Amino acid sequence: MRPVLIAFVLGTAAVWVVLLVAGFALGIAAQAGGWSSFRVGLGLATLLEFTREPAGTSTTFGPGLALAALLGGALNAAAAAWLHRRLG
């Protein structure tokens, strides 16, 4: 059980960091490229929202970021459990 929990925590943290870095890079590219406002996500689970207004731009991370990180951690834990059962 402990290896699966460790895999969940580390998987969640890894996905969280990857999504944050990708979001920052996307926000920088959008600002530098003069892109219009956009939102990345499904329904209410927004990962990232970039807003361009006359006063400036903003990049906001939504609650979908945490959901995606938890899903990544769960997939990592499932893979760890499968490997643990398979390899003994």
N, C-alpha and C. Protein backbone atom coordinates (compact mmCIF):
# COMPACT_ATOMS: atom_id res chain seq x y z
N MET A 1 0.82 -1.21 0.00
CA MET A 1 0.00 0.00 0.00
C MET A 1 0.86 1.26 0.00
N ARG A 2 1.97 1.22 0.71
CA ARG A 2 2.82 2.40 0.81
C ARG A 2 3.41 2.81 -0.55
N PRO A 3 3.90 1.86 -1.36
CA PRO A 3 4.42 2.26 -2.68
C PRO A 3 3.36 2.91 -3.57
N VAL A 4 2.13 2.46 -3.45
CA VAL A 4 1.05 3.04 -4.25
C VAL A 4 0.76 4.47 -3.79
N LEU A 5 0.78 4.70 -2.49
CA LEU A 5 0.55 6.05 -1.96
C LEU A 5 1.68 6.99 -2.38
N ILE A 6 2.90 6.51 -2.31
CA ILE A 6 4.04 7.32 -2.74
C ILE A 6 3.93 7.65 -4.23
N ALA A 7 3.54 6.65 -5.04
CA ALA A 7 3.37 6.88 -6.47
C ALA A 7 2.27 7.91 -6.73
N PHE A 8 1.20 7.87 -5.94
CA PHE A 8 0.12 8.85 -6.10
C PHE A 8 0.62 10.26 -5.80
N VAL A 9 1.30 10.42 -4.69
CA VAL A 9 1.77 11.76 -4.29
C VAL A 9 2.80 12.30 -5.29
N LEU A 10 3.76 11.46 -5.67
CA LEU A 10 4.78 11.92 -6.61
C LEU A 10 4.19 12.17 -8.00
N GLY A 11 3.27 11.33 -8.43
CA GLY A 11 2.62 11.54 -9.72
C GLY A 11 1.81 12.82 -9.75
N THR A 12 1.08 13.07 -8.67
CA THR A 12 0.30 14.31 -8.57
C THR A 12 1.21 15.53 -8.63
N ALA A 13 2.30 15.49 -7.87
CA ALA A 13 3.23 16.62 -7.87
C ALA A 13 3.87 16.82 -9.24
N ALA A 14 4.25 15.73 -9.89
CA ALA A 14 4.90 15.84 -11.20
C ALA A 14 3.95 16.44 -12.24
N VAL A 15 2.71 15.96 -12.27
CA VAL A 15 1.74 16.49 -13.23
C VAL A 15 1.45 17.96 -12.93
N TRP A 16 1.33 18.30 -11.66
CA TRP A 16 1.09 19.68 -11.25
C TRP A 16 2.19 20.60 -11.78
N VAL A 17 3.45 20.21 -11.58
CA VAL A 17 4.58 21.03 -12.02
C VAL A 17 4.59 21.15 -13.55
N VAL A 18 4.37 20.05 -14.25
CA VAL A 18 4.37 20.08 -15.72
C VAL A 18 3.27 21.01 -16.23
N LEU A 19 2.08 20.91 -15.65
CA LEU A 19 0.98 21.78 -16.09
C LEU A 19 1.25 23.25 -15.78
N LEU A 20 1.86 23.53 -14.63
CA LEU A 20 2.20 24.92 -14.30
C LEU A 20 3.21 25.49 -15.28
N VAL A 21 4.26 24.74 -15.55
CA VAL A 21 5.30 25.22 -16.48
C VAL A 21 4.71 25.41 -17.88
N ALA A 22 3.91 24.44 -18.33
CA ALA A 22 3.27 24.57 -19.64
C ALA A 22 2.33 25.77 -19.68
N GLY A 23 1.60 26.00 -18.59
CA GLY A 23 0.70 27.16 -18.53
C GLY A 23 1.44 28.48 -18.56
N PHE A 24 2.55 28.56 -17.82
CA PHE A 24 3.35 29.78 -17.86
C PHE A 24 3.90 30.02 -19.26
N ALA A 25 4.40 28.97 -19.89
CA ALA A 25 4.95 29.11 -21.25
C ALA A 25 3.86 29.53 -22.24
N LEU A 26 2.68 28.95 -22.10
CA LEU A 26 1.58 29.32 -22.99
C LEU A 26 1.15 30.77 -22.77
N GLY A 27 1.11 31.20 -21.51
CA GLY A 27 0.77 32.59 -21.20
C GLY A 27 1.78 33.57 -21.76
N ILE A 28 3.06 33.23 -21.66
CA ILE A 28 4.12 34.09 -22.21
C ILE A 28 4.02 34.16 -23.72
N ALA A 29 3.80 33.01 -24.36
CA ALA A 29 3.67 32.98 -25.82
C ALA A 29 2.45 33.77 -26.27
N ALA A 30 1.35 33.65 -25.54
CA ALA A 30 0.13 34.37 -25.90
C ALA A 30 0.32 35.88 -25.78
N GLN A 31 1.00 36.30 -24.72
CA GLN A 31 1.23 37.73 -24.55
C GLN A 31 2.19 38.26 -25.61
N ALA A 32 3.26 37.54 -25.87
CA ALA A 32 4.25 37.99 -26.85
C ALA A 32 3.69 37.94 -28.27
N GLY A 33 2.81 36.98 -28.54
CA GLY A 33 2.28 36.84 -29.88
C GLY A 33 1.05 37.67 -30.16
N GLY A 34 0.54 38.37 -29.17
CA GLY A 34 -0.63 39.21 -29.37
C GLY A 34 -1.91 38.42 -29.56
N TRP A 35 -1.99 37.22 -28.98
CA TRP A 35 -3.19 36.38 -29.12
C TRP A 35 -4.37 37.02 -28.43
N SER A 36 -5.56 36.69 -28.90
CA SER A 36 -6.77 37.16 -28.22
C SER A 36 -7.06 36.25 -27.02
N SER A 37 -8.05 36.61 -26.24
CA SER A 37 -8.40 35.85 -25.03
C SER A 37 -8.82 34.43 -25.37
N PHE A 38 -8.45 33.49 -24.51
CA PHE A 38 -8.86 32.10 -24.70
C PHE A 38 -8.91 31.38 -23.35
N ARG A 39 -9.55 30.22 -23.36
CA ARG A 39 -9.69 29.39 -22.16
C ARG A 39 -9.40 27.95 -22.55
N VAL A 40 -8.66 27.24 -21.70
CA VAL A 40 -8.35 25.83 -21.93
C VAL A 40 -8.98 25.03 -20.80
N GLY A 41 -9.85 24.09 -21.14
CA GLY A 41 -10.50 23.25 -20.14
C GLY A 41 -11.77 22.64 -20.68
N LEU A 42 -12.41 21.85 -19.85
CA LEU A 42 -13.67 21.21 -20.20
C LEU A 42 -14.75 21.67 -19.23
N GLY A 43 -15.77 22.33 -19.73
CA GLY A 43 -16.86 22.79 -18.85
C GLY A 43 -16.35 23.73 -17.77
N LEU A 44 -16.64 23.38 -16.53
CA LEU A 44 -16.20 24.21 -15.40
C LEU A 44 -14.77 23.90 -14.96
N ALA A 45 -14.19 22.84 -15.50
CA ALA A 45 -12.82 22.45 -15.12
C ALA A 45 -11.82 23.20 -16.01
N THR A 46 -11.64 24.46 -15.71
CA THR A 46 -10.72 25.30 -16.49
C THR A 46 -9.29 25.05 -16.03
N LEU A 47 -8.42 24.74 -16.98
CA LEU A 47 -7.00 24.60 -16.66
C LEU A 47 -6.32 25.96 -16.66
N LEU A 48 -6.58 26.74 -17.72
CA LEU A 48 -5.89 28.01 -17.91
C LEU A 48 -6.81 28.97 -18.65
N GLU A 49 -6.78 30.22 -18.25
CA GLU A 49 -7.53 31.26 -18.96
C GLU A 49 -6.61 32.44 -19.20
N PHE A 50 -6.49 32.83 -20.45
CA PHE A 50 -5.70 33.99 -20.83
C PHE A 50 -6.67 35.08 -21.26
N THR A 51 -6.53 36.26 -20.65
CA THR A 51 -7.44 37.36 -20.94
C THR A 51 -6.63 38.57 -21.40
N ARG A 52 -7.03 39.11 -22.54
CA ARG A 52 -6.40 40.34 -23.05
C ARG A 52 -7.44 41.44 -22.99
N GLU A 53 -7.10 42.51 -22.29
CA GLU A 53 -7.97 43.68 -22.15
C GLU A 53 -7.16 44.92 -22.51
N PRO A 54 -7.82 46.04 -22.73
CA PRO A 54 -7.07 47.26 -23.04
C PRO A 54 -6.07 47.65 -21.94
N ALA A 55 -6.39 47.33 -20.69
CA ALA A 55 -5.50 47.70 -19.58
C ALA A 55 -4.32 46.74 -19.43
N GLY A 56 -4.39 45.57 -20.05
CA GLY A 56 -3.29 44.61 -19.91
C GLY A 56 -3.77 43.18 -20.13
N THR A 57 -2.91 42.24 -19.80
CA THR A 57 -3.24 40.83 -19.96
C THR A 57 -3.15 40.12 -18.62
N SER A 58 -3.83 38.98 -18.53
CA SER A 58 -3.72 38.16 -17.32
C SER A 58 -3.82 36.69 -17.70
N THR A 59 -3.10 35.87 -16.96
CA THR A 59 -3.15 34.43 -17.11
C THR A 59 -3.59 33.86 -15.77
N THR A 60 -4.67 33.09 -15.80
CA THR A 60 -5.25 32.55 -14.57
C THR A 60 -5.33 31.03 -14.67
N PHE A 61 -4.90 30.35 -13.61
CA PHE A 61 -5.04 28.90 -13.53
C PHE A 61 -6.35 28.59 -12.82
N GLY A 62 -7.10 27.64 -13.36
CA GLY A 62 -8.40 27.30 -12.80
C GLY A 62 -8.38 26.02 -11.98
N PRO A 63 -9.54 25.61 -11.48
CA PRO A 63 -9.63 24.40 -10.65
C PRO A 63 -9.36 23.12 -11.42
N GLY A 64 -9.43 23.17 -12.73
CA GLY A 64 -9.13 21.99 -13.53
C GLY A 64 -7.69 21.55 -13.40
N LEU A 65 -6.81 22.48 -13.01
CA LEU A 65 -5.40 22.15 -12.83
C LEU A 65 -5.24 21.12 -11.70
N ALA A 66 -5.93 21.35 -10.59
CA ALA A 66 -5.86 20.41 -9.47
C ALA A 66 -6.50 19.08 -9.85
N LEU A 67 -7.61 19.12 -10.57
CA LEU A 67 -8.26 17.88 -10.99
C LEU A 67 -7.37 17.08 -11.92
N ALA A 68 -6.71 17.73 -12.86
CA ALA A 68 -5.82 17.05 -13.78
C ALA A 68 -4.62 16.45 -13.05
N ALA A 69 -4.09 17.19 -12.07
CA ALA A 69 -2.97 16.68 -11.29
C ALA A 69 -3.38 15.45 -10.48
N LEU A 70 -4.56 15.51 -9.87
CA LEU A 70 -5.05 14.35 -9.11
C LEU A 70 -5.31 13.15 -10.02
N LEU A 71 -5.82 13.40 -11.21
CA LEU A 71 -6.03 12.32 -12.16
C LEU A 71 -4.70 11.70 -12.59
N GLY A 72 -3.70 12.53 -12.83
CA GLY A 72 -2.37 12.03 -13.17
C GLY A 72 -1.77 11.21 -12.03
N GLY A 73 -1.97 11.67 -10.80
CA GLY A 73 -1.49 10.91 -9.65
C GLY A 73 -2.20 9.57 -9.51
N ALA A 74 -3.50 9.57 -9.78
CA ALA A 74 -4.27 8.32 -9.70
C ALA A 74 -3.81 7.33 -10.77
N LEU A 75 -3.55 7.82 -11.97
CA LEU A 75 -3.04 6.94 -13.02
C LEU A 75 -1.66 6.40 -12.68
N ASN A 76 -0.83 7.24 -12.10
CA ASN A 76 0.49 6.79 -11.68
C ASN A 76 0.39 5.74 -10.57
N ALA A 77 -0.52 5.95 -9.64
CA ALA A 77 -0.71 4.97 -8.55
C ALA A 77 -1.26 3.66 -9.10
N ALA A 78 -2.17 3.74 -10.06
CA ALA A 78 -2.70 2.51 -10.66
C ALA A 78 -1.60 1.74 -11.38
N ALA A 79 -0.74 2.44 -12.07
CA ALA A 79 0.38 1.78 -12.75
C ALA A 79 1.33 1.16 -11.74
N ALA A 80 1.57 1.86 -10.64
CA ALA A 80 2.45 1.32 -9.60
C ALA A 80 1.85 0.07 -8.96
N ALA A 81 0.54 0.09 -8.71
CA ALA A 81 -0.12 -1.09 -8.13
C ALA A 81 -0.05 -2.27 -9.10
N TRP A 82 -0.26 -1.99 -10.38
CA TRP A 82 -0.19 -3.06 -11.39
C TRP A 82 1.22 -3.65 -11.45
N LEU A 83 2.23 -2.78 -11.45
CA LEU A 83 3.61 -3.27 -11.48
C LEU A 83 3.96 -4.03 -10.21
N HIS A 84 3.48 -3.55 -9.06
CA HIS A 84 3.75 -4.22 -7.78
C HIS A 84 3.16 -5.64 -7.79
N ARG A 85 1.95 -5.77 -8.30
CA ARG A 85 1.32 -7.10 -8.37
C ARG A 85 2.04 -7.99 -9.38
N ARG A 86 2.43 -7.40 -10.48
CA ARG A 86 3.04 -8.18 -11.56
C ARG A 86 4.47 -8.64 -11.23
N LEU A 87 5.22 -7.76 -10.57
CA LEU A 87 6.63 -8.07 -10.28
C LEU A 87 6.83 -8.63 -8.88
N GLY A 88 5.79 -8.59 -8.09
CA GLY A 88 5.85 -9.23 -6.80
C GLY A 88 6.26 -8.37 -5.70
